[in-house]
């Protein structure tokens, strides 16, 4: 399956998600190992000087996983329908 370029999910994103799962399962050592690997794979915090400007960017150096929303997205309608009881 080919994903659109607006979806940015890769092996490191999967490891970050798995680290979160291990954290919730209280597997501390595995959560720490995976999180440390993710942190060391090239992600960094946006500088204070660029913090506000980063809000207008699709991705930043902090982006481990992101979905870019556009003006024509109607995902909120789908969510609204999912939670409406009939």
C-alpha atoms as a PDB file:
ATOM      1  CA  UNK A   1       0.000   0.000   0.000  1.00  0.00           C
ATOM      2  CA  UNK A   2       1.346   3.446  -0.906  1.00  0.00           C
ATOM      3  CA  UNK A   3       0.531   6.173   1.583  1.00  0.00           C
ATOM      4  CA  UNK A   4       0.085   9.784   0.637  1.00  0.00           C
ATOM      5  CA  UNK A   5       2.964  12.097   1.513  1.00  0.00           C
ATOM      6  CA  UNK A   6       0.840  13.774   4.190  1.00  0.00           C
ATOM      7  CA  UNK A   7       1.216  10.705   6.379  1.00  0.00           C
ATOM      8  CA  UNK A   8       4.618  10.425   8.003  1.00  0.00           C
ATOM      9  CA  UNK A   9       4.888   7.064   9.747  1.00  0.00           C
ATOM     10  CA  UNK A  10       8.094   5.068   9.721  1.00  0.00           C
ATOM     11  CA  UNK A  11      10.000   2.459  11.700  1.00  0.00           C
ATOM     12  CA  UNK A  12      10.980   5.017  14.338  1.00  0.00           C
ATOM     13  CA  UNK A  13       7.343   6.104  14.705  1.00  0.00           C
ATOM     14  CA  UNK A  14       6.386   2.486  15.315  1.00  0.00           C
ATOM     15  CA  UNK A  15       9.092   2.167  17.960  1.00  0.00           C
ATOM     16  CA  UNK A  16       7.811   5.305  19.697  1.00  0.00           C
ATOM     17  CA  UNK A  17       4.301   3.882  19.754  1.00  0.00           C
ATOM     18  CA  UNK A  18       5.595   0.536  21.027  1.00  0.00           C
ATOM     19  CA  UNK A  19       7.532   2.359  23.761  1.00  0.00           C
ATOM     20  CA  UNK A  20       4.258   3.960  24.859  1.00  0.00           C
ATOM     21  CA  UNK A  21       2.547   0.559  24.911  1.00  0.00           C
ATOM     22  CA  UNK A  22       5.336  -0.883  27.071  1.00  0.00           C
ATOM     23  CA  UNK A  23       5.054   2.135  29.365  1.00  0.00           C
ATOM     24  CA  UNK A  24       1.338   1.502  29.930  1.00  0.00           C
ATOM     25  CA  UNK A  25       2.046  -2.195  30.480  1.00  0.00           C
ATOM     26  CA  UNK A  26       4.636  -1.186  33.106  1.00  0.00           C
ATOM     27  CA  UNK A  27       7.443  -2.902  31.176  1.00  0.00           C
ATOM     28  CA  UNK A  28       9.812  -0.151  32.276  1.00  0.00           C
ATOM     29  CA  UNK A  29      13.069  -1.542  30.869  1.00  0.00           C
ATOM     30  CA  UNK A  30      11.628  -2.168  27.388  1.00  0.00           C
ATOM     31  CA  UNK A  31       9.862   1.221  27.353  1.00  0.00           C
ATOM     32  CA  UNK A  32      13.112   2.930  28.335  1.00  0.00           C
ATOM     33  CA  UNK A  33      15.160   1.063  25.731  1.00  0.00           C
ATOM     34  CA  UNK A  34      12.776   1.882  22.887  1.00  0.00           C
ATOM     35  CA  UNK A  35      12.292   5.504  23.941  1.00  0.00           C
ATOM     36  CA  UNK A  36      16.050   5.990  24.214  1.00  0.00           C
ATOM     37  CA  UNK A  37      16.480   4.551  20.727  1.00  0.00           C
ATOM     38  CA  UNK A  38      13.839   6.930  19.337  1.00  0.00           C
ATOM     39  CA  UNK A  39      15.388   9.939  21.061  1.00  0.00           C
ATOM     40  CA  UNK A  40      18.808   9.037  19.676  1.00  0.00           C
ATOM     41  CA  UNK A  41      17.591   8.648  16.106  1.00  0.00           C
ATOM     42  CA  UNK A  42      17.808  12.314  15.132  1.00  0.00           C
ATOM     43  CA  UNK A  43      14.791  14.039  16.642  1.00  0.00           C
ATOM     44  CA  UNK A  44      15.355  17.278  18.523  1.00  0.00           C
ATOM     45  CA  UNK A  45      13.301  19.988  20.172  1.00  0.00           C
ATOM     46  CA  UNK A  46      12.425  23.135  18.244  1.00  0.00           C
ATOM     47  CA  UNK A  47      14.400  26.104  19.530  1.00  0.00           C
ATOM     48  CA  UNK A  48      12.671  28.796  21.581  1.00  0.00           C
ATOM     49  CA  UNK A  49      13.249  31.271  18.756  1.00  0.00           C
ATOM     50  CA  UNK A  50      11.401  29.034  16.252  1.00  0.00           C
ATOM     51  CA  UNK A  51       8.729  27.618  18.563  1.00  0.00           C
ATOM     52  CA  UNK A  52       5.764  29.798  17.537  1.00  0.00           C
ATOM     53  CA  UNK A  53       6.759  29.712  13.854  1.00  0.00           C
ATOM     54  CA  UNK A  54       6.806  25.890  14.005  1.00  0.00           C
ATOM     55  CA  UNK A  55       3.021  25.843  14.490  1.00  0.00           C
ATOM     56  CA  UNK A  56       2.551  26.750  10.829  1.00  0.00           C
ATOM     57  CA  UNK A  57       4.834  23.981   9.563  1.00  0.00           C
ATOM     58  CA  UNK A  58       3.543  20.555   8.569  1.00  0.00           C
ATOM     59  CA  UNK A  59       6.400  18.827  10.377  1.00  0.00           C
ATOM     60  CA  UNK A  60       9.332  19.836  12.547  1.00  0.00           C
ATOM     61  CA  UNK A  61      12.390  18.201  14.062  1.00  0.00           C
ATOM     62  CA  UNK A  62      10.037  17.163  16.907  1.00  0.00           C
ATOM     63  CA  UNK A  63       7.651  15.306  14.586  1.00  0.00           C
ATOM     64  CA  UNK A  64       7.798  11.570  15.205  1.00  0.00           C
ATOM     65  CA  UNK A  65       4.377  10.934  13.695  1.00  0.00           C
ATOM     66  CA  UNK A  66       2.085  13.452  12.059  1.00  0.00           C
ATOM     67  CA  UNK A  67      -0.953  13.762   9.876  1.00  0.00           C
ATOM     68  CA  UNK A  68      -1.242  17.021   8.018  1.00  0.00           C
ATOM     69  CA  UNK A  69      -4.737  18.486   7.987  1.00  0.00           C
ATOM     70  CA  UNK A  70      -5.942  20.660   5.138  1.00  0.00           C
ATOM     71  CA  UNK A  71      -8.760  23.169   4.824  1.00  0.00           C
ATOM     72  CA  UNK A  72     -10.896  20.594   3.010  1.00  0.00           C
ATOM     73  CA  UNK A  73     -10.528  17.826   5.607  1.00  0.00           C
ATOM     74  CA  UNK A  74     -13.815  16.680   7.073  1.00  0.00           C
ATOM     75  CA  UNK A  75     -12.464  14.161   9.563  1.00  0.00           C
ATOM     76  CA  UNK A  76     -14.356  15.860  12.390  1.00  0.00           C
ATOM     77  CA  UNK A  77     -17.620  14.857  10.690  1.00  0.00           C
ATOM     78  CA  UNK A  78     -16.552  11.227  10.757  1.00  0.00           C
ATOM     79  CA  UNK A  79     -15.658  11.448  14.449  1.00  0.00           C
ATOM     80  CA  UNK A  80     -18.929  13.179  15.219  1.00  0.00           C
ATOM     81  CA  UNK A  81     -20.843  10.392  13.456  1.00  0.00           C
ATOM     82  CA  UNK A  82     -18.897   7.698  15.306  1.00  0.00           C
ATOM     83  CA  UNK A  83     -19.920   9.071  18.679  1.00  0.00           C
ATOM     84  CA  UNK A  84     -23.541   9.814  17.865  1.00  0.00           C
ATOM     85  CA  UNK A  85     -25.903   7.312  19.403  1.00  0.00           C
ATOM     86  CA  UNK A  86     -28.833   6.290  17.272  1.00  0.00           C
END
